[in-house]
């Protein structure tokens, strides 16, 4: 965990000299319930994302305990039982937007493959996700939807709720990145 934070920090520092776009108010949400039961969903409105426009490198950091649920008991179980947020407070993604050229971005969404390492609960996995990007008046818009398997990140689902909680978690992220000088 400490090594991942150091890697994230050095990646962040390397962006200081490059033209970068960033946000600290990105939205990351998920739905993790089976359709026949009460919806298990949450949103995190303080995700941090940074994109280096010169090479397409990207880094995302979010605090797990910043996910907010409509039902307080779900939030408590999420943090204490499933995500162990006191032990694993952060989730990160460090990667590269493939074939990214800032000068080719337009105000129309274009699809990009984003390849990198997603770290949740101290477990790092190489992933490829699809992102949709476009230029905006303030900078860059980045949106993505992807699936995370609970078993890939050692998220244990007790038998008593196994029929209510999905083994596949649908994650949606929306970031409005502005230029940082």
Foldseek 3Di string as FASTA:
>chain_A
DVVVVVVLVVVVVVLPVAWKWKDQQWKKKKWWWDPVDDIDMWMARGKIKMARQVFQKIKIKDFQLRTDDPDVVSSVCCCVQFQVCVQVGMKMWTWGFPPHHPVPAAQDWDKTWTWTWIAGSNQIDTDIFIWIWHADPFGMKIKGKDKDFSVNHVGDDDPVCPNTTHRIMIMIIIDDIGIDD
